[in-house]
Amino acid sequence: MDPDTSEKRIFHYFQQELPNRYFAVVRMEWRDDDHKIVQVDEVKLIDEGVDTIEGFAEVARNAMLGGAEILMICPYDPEHIGLNEQ
């Protein structure tokens, strides 16, 4: 899939406690030209330390390059996992 660089993508981050050993719940939405949702994927990531952050970064990067908007719920401060406000 070729990267979609035509528009900025939206990344929503909510800091909230999660049950069990979840690192995050990540929902990715792809929309068509009329802004209607055409696909939704949701993943629950188990906290396994530093590798989890790297895995999340790869999933998010690929989704955004593919044109997805992302919503993430995570118990950690955004800076802790490498997200900087821009």
PDB file of N, CA and C in Angstrom:
ATOM      1  N   MET A   1       0.854  -1.172   0.000  1.00  0.00           N
ATOM      2  CA  MET A   1       0.000   0.000   0.000  1.00  0.00           C
ATOM      3  C   MET A   1       0.901   1.237   0.000  1.00  0.00           C
ATOM      4  N   ASP A   2       0.659   2.167  -0.919  1.00  0.00           N
ATOM      5  CA  ASP A   2       1.438   3.401  -0.978  1.00  0.00           C
ATOM      6  C   ASP A   2       1.001   4.352   0.125  1.00  0.00           C
ATOM      7  N   PRO A   3       1.945   5.084   0.713  1.00  0.00           N
ATOM      8  CA  PRO A   3       1.593   6.041   1.757  1.00  0.00           C
ATOM      9  C   PRO A   3       0.671   7.130   1.238  1.00  0.00           C
ATOM     10  N   ASP A   4      -0.319   7.504   2.041  1.00  0.00           N
ATOM     11  CA  ASP A   4      -1.235   8.589   1.715  1.00  0.00           C
ATOM     12  C   ASP A   4      -0.733   9.843   2.413  1.00  0.00           C
ATOM     13  N   THR A   5      -0.187  10.764   1.648  1.00  0.00           N
ATOM     14  CA  THR A   5       0.351  11.998   2.232  1.00  0.00           C
ATOM     15  C   THR A   5      -0.496  13.209   1.869  1.00  0.00           C
ATOM     16  N   SER A   6      -1.709  12.984   1.369  1.00  0.00           N
ATOM     17  CA  SER A   6      -2.542  14.078   0.892  1.00  0.00           C
ATOM     18  C   SER A   6      -3.149  14.918   2.013  1.00  0.00           C
ATOM     19  N   GLU A   7      -3.334  14.350   3.201  1.00  0.00           N
ATOM     20  CA  GLU A   7      -3.954  15.081   4.303  1.00  0.00           C
ATOM     21  C   GLU A   7      -3.256  14.721   5.605  1.00  0.00           C
ATOM     22  N   LYS A   8      -3.432  15.583   6.593  1.00  0.00           N
ATOM     23  CA  LYS A   8      -2.951  15.236   7.929  1.00  0.00           C
ATOM     24  C   LYS A   8      -3.882  14.195   8.516  1.00  0.00           C
ATOM     25  N   ARG A   9      -3.345  13.326   9.312  1.00  0.00           N
ATOM     26  CA  ARG A   9      -4.133  12.300   9.990  1.00  0.00           C
ATOM     27  C   ARG A   9      -4.372  12.727  11.428  1.00  0.00           C
ATOM     28  N   ILE A  10      -5.436  12.210  11.996  1.00  0.00           N
ATOM     29  CA  ILE A  10      -5.802  12.561  13.368  1.00  0.00           C
ATOM     30  C   ILE A  10      -5.387  11.434  14.296  1.00  0.00           C
ATOM     31  N   PHE A  11      -4.798  11.809  15.419  1.00  0.00           N
ATOM     32  CA  PHE A  11      -4.384  10.859  16.448  1.00  0.00           C
ATOM     33  C   PHE A  11      -4.961  11.360  17.770  1.00  0.00           C
ATOM     34  N   HIS A  12      -5.944  10.638  18.299  1.00  0.00           N
ATOM     35  CA  HIS A  12      -6.559  10.989  19.584  1.00  0.00           C
ATOM     36  C   HIS A  12      -5.916  10.137  20.666  1.00  0.00           C
ATOM     37  N   TYR A  13      -5.486  10.772  21.752  1.00  0.00           N
ATOM     38  CA  TYR A  13      -4.847  10.038  22.850  1.00  0.00           C
ATOM     39  C   TYR A  13      -5.600  10.338  24.134  1.00  0.00           C
ATOM     40  N   PHE A  14      -6.004   9.274  24.831  1.00  0.00           N
ATOM     41  CA  PHE A  14      -6.683   9.415  26.111  1.00  0.00           C
ATOM     42  C   PHE A  14      -5.890   8.648  27.158  1.00  0.00           C
ATOM     43  N   GLN A  15      -5.511   9.334  28.216  1.00  0.00           N
ATOM     44  CA  GLN A  15      -4.794   8.673  29.303  1.00  0.00           C
ATOM     45  C   GLN A  15      -5.819   8.186  30.311  1.00  0.00           C
ATOM     46  N   GLN A  16      -5.844   6.865  30.489  1.00  0.00           N
ATOM     47  CA  GLN A  16      -6.844   6.251  31.359  1.00  0.00           C
ATOM     48  C   GLN A  16      -6.340   4.879  31.797  1.00  0.00           C
ATOM     49  N   GLU A  17      -6.624   4.500  33.022  1.00  0.00           N
ATOM     50  CA  GLU A  17      -6.240   3.173  33.499  1.00  0.00           C
ATOM     51  C   GLU A  17      -6.963   2.105  32.684  1.00  0.00           C
ATOM     52  N   LEU A  18      -6.282   0.984  32.468  1.00  0.00           N
ATOM     53  CA  LEU A  18      -6.857  -0.138  31.736  1.00  0.00           C
ATOM     54  C   LEU A  18      -6.767  -1.397  32.595  1.00  0.00           C
ATOM     55  N   PRO A  19      -7.661  -2.360  32.383  1.00  0.00           N
ATOM     56  CA  PRO A  19      -7.626  -3.592  33.179  1.00  0.00           C
ATOM     57  C   PRO A  19      -6.456  -4.501  32.792  1.00  0.00           C
ATOM     58  N   ASN A  20      -6.187  -5.449  33.648  1.00  0.00           N
ATOM     59  CA  ASN A  20      -5.167  -6.470  33.410  1.00  0.00           C
ATOM     60  C   ASN A  20      -3.809  -5.849  33.137  1.00  0.00           C
ATOM     61  N   ARG A  21      -3.106  -6.383  32.180  1.00  0.00           N
ATOM     62  CA  ARG A  21      -1.782  -5.878  31.826  1.00  0.00           C
ATOM     63  C   ARG A  21      -1.821  -5.152  30.484  1.00  0.00           C
ATOM     64  N   TYR A  22      -2.929  -4.524  30.163  1.00  0.00           N
ATOM     65  CA  TYR A  22      -3.024  -3.827  28.876  1.00  0.00           C
ATOM     66  C   TYR A  22      -2.119  -2.605  28.848  1.00  0.00           C
ATOM     67  N   PHE A  23      -1.372  -2.493  27.766  1.00  0.00           N
ATOM     68  CA  PHE A  23      -0.581  -1.300  27.494  1.00  0.00           C
ATOM     69  C   PHE A  23      -1.472  -0.246  26.852  1.00  0.00           C
ATOM     70  N   ALA A  24      -2.345  -0.699  25.945  1.00  0.00           N
ATOM     71  CA  ALA A  24      -3.217   0.242  25.242  1.00  0.00           C
ATOM     72  C   ALA A  24      -4.313  -0.499  24.498  1.00  0.00           C
ATOM     73  N   VAL A  25      -5.365   0.242  24.222  1.00  0.00           N
ATOM     74  CA  VAL A  25      -6.382  -0.172  23.261  1.00  0.00           C
ATOM     75  C   VAL A  25      -6.281   0.841  22.126  1.00  0.00           C
ATOM     76  N   VAL A  26      -6.075   0.346  20.922  1.00  0.00           N
ATOM     77  CA  VAL A  26      -5.863   1.217  19.769  1.00  0.00           C
ATOM     78  C   VAL A  26      -6.924   0.906  18.722  1.00  0.00           C
ATOM     79  N   ARG A  27      -7.638   1.949  18.314  1.00  0.00           N
ATOM     80  CA  ARG A  27      -8.676   1.820  17.281  1.00  0.00           C
ATOM     81  C   ARG A  27      -8.227   2.625  16.071  1.00  0.00           C
ATOM     82  N   MET A  28      -8.263   1.990  14.902  1.00  0.00           N
ATOM     83  CA  MET A  28      -7.846   2.638  13.661  1.00  0.00           C
ATOM     84  C   MET A  28      -9.042   2.671  12.709  1.00  0.00           C
ATOM     85  N   GLU A  29      -9.299   3.842  12.134  1.00  0.00           N
ATOM     86  CA  GLU A  29     -10.430   4.015  11.214  1.00  0.00           C
ATOM     87  C   GLU A  29      -9.920   4.532   9.874  1.00  0.00           C
ATOM     88  N   TRP A  30     -10.397   3.911   8.826  1.00  0.00           N
ATOM     89  CA  TRP A  30     -10.105   4.382   7.476  1.00  0.00           C
ATOM     90  C   TRP A  30     -11.394   4.924   6.885  1.00  0.00           C
ATOM     91  N   ARG A  31     -11.289   6.045   6.205  1.00  0.00           N
ATOM     92  CA  ARG A  31     -12.462   6.705   5.624  1.00  0.00           C
ATOM     93  C   ARG A  31     -12.302   6.836   4.111  1.00  0.00           C
ATOM     94  N   ASP A  32     -13.452   6.914   3.432  1.00  0.00           N
ATOM     95  CA  ASP A  32     -13.416   7.119   1.982  1.00  0.00           C
ATOM     96  C   ASP A  32     -13.378   8.614   1.675  1.00  0.00           C
ATOM     97  N   ASP A  33     -13.470   8.961   0.397  1.00  0.00           N
ATOM     98  CA  ASP A  33     -13.392  10.368  -0.013  1.00  0.00           C
ATOM     99  C   ASP A  33     -14.549  11.208   0.523  1.00  0.00           C
ATOM    100  N   ASP A  34     -15.662  10.550   0.875  1.00  0.00           N
ATOM    101  CA  ASP A  34     -16.808  11.254   1.453  1.00  0.00           C
ATOM    102  C   ASP A  34     -16.740  11.281   2.979  1.00  0.00           C
ATOM    103  N   HIS A  35     -15.611  10.850   3.545  1.00  0.00           N
ATOM    104  CA  HIS A  35     -15.354  10.826   4.985  1.00  0.00           C
ATOM    105  C   HIS A  35     -16.214   9.823   5.736  1.00  0.00           C
ATOM    106  N   LYS A  36     -16.754   8.828   5.022  1.00  0.00           N
ATOM    107  CA  LYS A  36     -17.502   7.756   5.663  1.00  0.00           C
ATOM    108  C   LYS A  36     -16.522   6.657   6.054  1.00  0.00           C
ATOM    109  N   ILE A  37     -16.731   6.089   7.228  1.00  0.00           N
ATOM    110  CA  ILE A  37     -15.852   5.022   7.705  1.00  0.00           C
ATOM    111  C   ILE A  37     -16.062   3.780   6.838  1.00  0.00           C
ATOM    112  N   VAL A  38     -14.962   3.247   6.317  1.00  0.00           N
ATOM    113  CA  VAL A  38     -15.035   2.055   5.474  1.00  0.00           C
ATOM    114  C   VAL A  38     -14.375   0.839   6.125  1.00  0.00           C
ATOM    115  N   GLN A  39     -13.531   1.081   7.135  1.00  0.00           N
ATOM    116  CA  GLN A  39     -12.885  -0.032   7.826  1.00  0.00           C
ATOM    117  C   GLN A  39     -12.494   0.422   9.229  1.00  0.00           C
ATOM    118  N   VAL A  40     -12.661  -0.485  10.191  1.00  0.00           N
ATOM    119  CA  VAL A  40     -12.257  -0.225  11.571  1.00  0.00           C
ATOM    120  C   VAL A  40     -11.503  -1.454  12.077  1.00  0.00           C
ATOM    121  N   ASP A  41     -10.337  -1.214  12.653  1.00  0.00           N
ATOM    122  CA  ASP A  41      -9.571  -2.271  13.318  1.00  0.00           C
ATOM    123  C   ASP A  41      -9.317  -1.813  14.742  1.00  0.00           C
ATOM    124  N   GLU A  42      -9.403  -2.748  15.678  1.00  0.00           N
ATOM    125  CA  GLU A  42      -9.113  -2.418  17.063  1.00  0.00           C
ATOM    126  C   GLU A  42      -8.209  -3.501  17.627  1.00  0.00           C
ATOM    127  N   VAL A  43      -7.146  -3.066  18.287  1.00  0.00           N
ATOM    128  CA  VAL A  43      -6.218  -4.009  18.897  1.00  0.00           C
ATOM    129  C   VAL A  43      -6.019  -3.661  20.362  1.00  0.00           C
ATOM    130  N   LYS A  44      -5.810  -4.698  21.163  1.00  0.00           N
ATOM    131  CA  LYS A  44      -5.481  -4.528  22.578  1.00  0.00           C
ATOM    132  C   LYS A  44      -4.052  -5.021  22.734  1.00  0.00           C
ATOM    133  N   LEU A  45      -3.183  -4.143  23.200  1.00  0.00           N
ATOM    134  CA  LEU A  45      -1.777  -4.474  23.344  1.00  0.00           C
ATOM    135  C   LEU A  45      -1.461  -4.796  24.804  1.00  0.00           C
ATOM    136  N   ILE A  46      -0.835  -5.935  25.027  1.00  0.00           N
ATOM    137  CA  ILE A  46      -0.418  -6.342  26.368  1.00  0.00           C
ATOM    138  C   ILE A  46       0.911  -5.664  26.681  1.00  0.00           C
ATOM    139  N   ASP A  47       1.055  -5.164  27.909  1.00  0.00           N
ATOM    140  CA  ASP A  47       2.275  -4.474  28.314  1.00  0.00           C
ATOM    141  C   ASP A  47       3.387  -5.492  28.569  1.00  0.00           C
ATOM    142  N   GLU A  48       4.379  -5.482  27.689  1.00  0.00           N
ATOM    143  CA  GLU A  48       5.532  -6.367  27.836  1.00  0.00           C
ATOM    144  C   GLU A  48       6.824  -5.551  27.838  1.00  0.00           C
ATOM    145  N   GLY A  49       6.747  -4.309  28.311  1.00  0.00           N
ATOM    146  CA  GLY A  49       7.931  -3.465  28.421  1.00  0.00           C
ATOM    147  C   GLY A  49       8.249  -2.695  27.163  1.00  0.00           C
ATOM    148  N   VAL A  50       9.537  -2.427  26.959  1.00  0.00           N
ATOM    149  CA  VAL A  50       9.999  -1.574  25.862  1.00  0.00           C
ATOM    150  C   VAL A  50       9.568  -2.108  24.495  1.00  0.00           C
ATOM    151  N   ASP A  51       9.559  -3.420  24.328  1.00  0.00           N
ATOM    152  CA  ASP A  51       9.153  -3.998  23.040  1.00  0.00           C
ATOM    153  C   ASP A  51       7.722  -3.618  22.681  1.00  0.00           C
ATOM    154  N   THR A  52       6.887  -3.437  23.683  1.00  0.00           N
ATOM    155  CA  THR A  52       5.500  -3.053  23.433  1.00  0.00           C
ATOM    156  C   THR A  52       5.427  -1.668  22.801  1.00  0.00           C
ATOM    157  N   ILE A  53       6.229  -0.735  23.298  1.00  0.00           N
ATOM    158  CA  ILE A  53       6.242   0.622  22.748  1.00  0.00           C
ATOM    159  C   ILE A  53       6.711   0.589  21.297  1.00  0.00           C
ATOM    160  N   GLU A  54       7.747  -0.175  21.017  1.00  0.00           N
ATOM    161  CA  GLU A  54       8.241  -0.286  19.642  1.00  0.00           C
ATOM    162  C   GLU A  54       7.191  -0.916  18.730  1.00  0.00           C
ATOM    163  N   GLY A  55       6.500  -1.945  19.223  1.00  0.00           N
ATOM    164  CA  GLY A  55       5.448  -2.594  18.440  1.00  0.00           C
ATOM    165  C   GLY A  55       4.298  -1.648  18.155  1.00  0.00           C
ATOM    166  N   PHE A  56       3.907  -0.880  19.181  1.00  0.00           N
ATOM    167  CA  PHE A  56       2.838   0.092  18.987  1.00  0.00           C
ATOM    168  C   PHE A  56       3.241   1.128  17.945  1.00  0.00           C
ATOM    169  N   ALA A  57       4.469   1.632  18.035  1.00  0.00           N
ATOM    170  CA  ALA A  57       4.938   2.649  17.092  1.00  0.00           C
ATOM    171  C   ALA A  57       4.867   2.135  15.658  1.00  0.00           C
ATOM    172  N   GLU A  58       5.221   0.883  15.453  1.00  0.00           N
ATOM    173  CA  GLU A  58       5.171   0.319  14.101  1.00  0.00           C
ATOM    174  C   GLU A  58       3.728   0.212  13.604  1.00  0.00           C
ATOM    175  N   VAL A  59       2.828  -0.271  14.462  1.00  0.00           N
ATOM    176  CA  VAL A  59       1.413  -0.384  14.083  1.00  0.00           C
ATOM    177  C   VAL A  59       0.846   0.993  13.744  1.00  0.00           C
ATOM    178  N   ALA A  60       1.093   1.985  14.603  1.00  0.00           N
ATOM    179  CA  ALA A  60       0.559   3.332  14.388  1.00  0.00           C
ATOM    180  C   ALA A  60       1.132   3.958  13.123  1.00  0.00           C
ATOM    181  N   ARG A  61       2.428   3.824  12.923  1.00  0.00           N
ATOM    182  CA  ARG A  61       3.075   4.409  11.743  1.00  0.00           C
ATOM    183  C   ARG A  61       2.480   3.821  10.457  1.00  0.00           C
ATOM    184  N   ASN A  62       2.354   2.500  10.407  1.00  0.00           N
ATOM    185  CA  ASN A  62       1.804   1.860   9.212  1.00  0.00           C
ATOM    186  C   ASN A  62       0.352   2.246   8.977  1.00  0.00           C
ATOM    187  N   ALA A  63      -0.420   2.334  10.042  1.00  0.00           N
ATOM    188  CA  ALA A  63      -1.826   2.718   9.905  1.00  0.00           C
ATOM    189  C   ALA A  63      -1.950   4.147   9.389  1.00  0.00           C
ATOM    190  N   MET A  64      -1.161   5.056   9.948  1.00  0.00           N
ATOM    191  CA  MET A  64      -1.250   6.453   9.514  1.00  0.00           C
ATOM    192  C   MET A  64      -0.744   6.620   8.077  1.00  0.00           C
ATOM    193  N   LEU A  65       0.304   5.899   7.711  1.00  0.00           N
ATOM    194  CA  LEU A  65       0.773   5.956   6.325  1.00  0.00           C
ATOM    195  C   LEU A  65      -0.282   5.412   5.373  1.00  0.00           C
ATOM    196  N   GLY A  66      -1.100   4.485   5.865  1.00  0.00           N
ATOM    197  CA  GLY A  66      -2.183   3.928   5.063  1.00  0.00           C
ATOM    198  C   GLY A  66      -3.442   4.771   5.086  1.00  0.00           C
ATOM    199  N   GLY A  67      -3.403   5.919   5.773  1.00  0.00           N
ATOM    200  CA  GLY A  67      -4.532   6.842   5.763  1.00  0.00           C
ATOM    201  C   GLY A  67      -5.474   6.731   6.938  1.00  0.00           C
ATOM    202  N   ALA A  68      -5.110   6.014   7.980  1.00  0.00           N
ATOM    203  CA  ALA A  68      -6.014   5.815   9.122  1.00  0.00           C
ATOM    204  C   ALA A  68      -5.970   6.979  10.109  1.00  0.00           C
ATOM    205  N   GLU A  69      -7.096   7.156  10.784  1.00  0.00           N
ATOM    206  CA  GLU A  69      -7.151   8.005  11.969  1.00  0.00           C
ATOM    207  C   GLU A  69      -7.063   7.055  13.154  1.00  0.00           C
ATOM    208  N   ILE A  70      -6.403   7.481  14.226  1.00  0.00           N
ATOM    209  CA  ILE A  70      -6.142   6.586  15.347  1.00  0.00           C
ATOM    210  C   ILE A  70      -6.680   7.176  16.641  1.00  0.00           C
ATOM    211  N   LEU A  71      -7.293   6.308  17.436  1.00  0.00           N
ATOM    212  CA  LEU A  71      -7.718   6.643  18.788  1.00  0.00           C
ATOM    213  C   LEU A  71      -7.026   5.655  19.711  1.00  0.00           C
ATOM    214  N   MET A  72      -6.359   6.170  20.732  1.00  0.00           N
ATOM    215  CA  MET A  72      -5.603   5.311  21.633  1.00  0.00           C
ATOM    216  C   MET A  72      -5.954   5.622  23.082  1.00  0.00           C
ATOM    217  N   ILE A  73      -6.176   4.571  23.863  1.00  0.00           N
ATOM    218  CA  ILE A  73      -6.364   4.694  25.306  1.00  0.00           C
ATOM    219  C   ILE A  73      -5.193   3.974  25.954  1.00  0.00           C
ATOM    220  N   CYS A  74      -4.500   4.665  26.855  1.00  0.00           N
ATOM    221  CA  CYS A  74      -3.292   4.121  27.459  1.00  0.00           C
ATOM    222  C   CYS A  74      -3.126   4.720  28.861  1.00  0.00           C
ATOM    223  N   PRO A  75      -2.643   3.948  29.832  1.00  0.00           N
ATOM    224  CA  PRO A  75      -2.502   4.485  31.179  1.00  0.00           C
ATOM    225  C   PRO A  75      -1.272   5.374  31.384  1.00  0.00           C
ATOM    226  N   TYR A  76      -0.370   5.421  30.404  1.00  0.00           N
ATOM    227  CA  TYR A  76       0.889   6.155  30.582  1.00  0.00           C
ATOM    228  C   TYR A  76       0.811   7.576  30.039  1.00  0.00           C
ATOM    229  N   ASP A  77       1.667   8.446  30.595  1.00  0.00           N
ATOM    230  CA  ASP A  77       1.804   9.789  30.038  1.00  0.00           C
ATOM    231  C   ASP A  77       2.270   9.660  28.590  1.00  0.00           C
ATOM    232  N   PRO A  78       1.749  10.492  27.694  1.00  0.00           N
ATOM    233  CA  PRO A  78       2.152  10.390  26.278  1.00  0.00           C
ATOM    234  C   PRO A  78       3.662  10.486  26.090  1.00  0.00           C
ATOM    235  N   GLU A  79       4.328  11.324  26.870  1.00  0.00           N
ATOM    236  CA  GLU A  79       5.779  11.485  26.739  1.00  0.00           C
ATOM    237  C   GLU A  79       6.511  10.193  27.101  1.00  0.00           C
ATOM    238  N   HIS A  80       5.949   9.408  28.018  1.00  0.00           N
ATOM    239  CA  HIS A  80       6.558   8.150  28.461  1.00  0.00           C
ATOM    240  C   HIS A  80       6.667   7.149  27.301  1.00  0.00           C
ATOM    241  N   ILE A  81       5.733   7.220  26.384  1.00  0.00           N
ATOM    242  CA  ILE A  81       5.737   6.262  25.268  1.00  0.00           C
ATOM    243  C   ILE A  81       6.209   6.899  23.951  1.00  0.00           C
ATOM    244  N   GLY A  82       6.784   8.081  24.045  1.00  0.00           N
ATOM    245  CA  GLY A  82       7.385   8.688  22.863  1.00  0.00           C
ATOM    246  C   GLY A  82       6.470   9.559  22.035  1.00  0.00           C
ATOM    247  N   LEU A  83       5.322   9.938  22.585  1.00  0.00           N
ATOM    248  CA  LEU A  83       4.421  10.840  21.858  1.00  0.00           C
ATOM    249  C   LEU A  83       4.656  12.260  22.335  1.00  0.00           C
ATOM    250  N   ASN A  84       4.960  13.122  21.417  1.00  0.00           N
ATOM    251  CA  ASN A  84       5.163  14.535  21.739  1.00  0.00           C
ATOM    252  C   ASN A  84       4.065  15.331  21.064  1.00  0.00           C
ATOM    253  N   GLU A  85       3.528  16.309  21.765  1.00  0.00           N
ATOM    254  CA  GLU A  85       2.473  17.154  21.206  1.00  0.00           C
ATOM    255  C   GLU A  85       3.052  17.999  20.094  1.00  0.00           C
ATOM    256  N   GLN A  86       2.352  18.028  18.952  1.00  0.00           N
ATOM    257  CA  GLN A  86       2.807  18.837  17.806  1.00  0.00           C
ATOM    258  C   GLN A  86       1.687  19.692  17.297  1.00  0.00           C
TER     259      GLN A  86
END
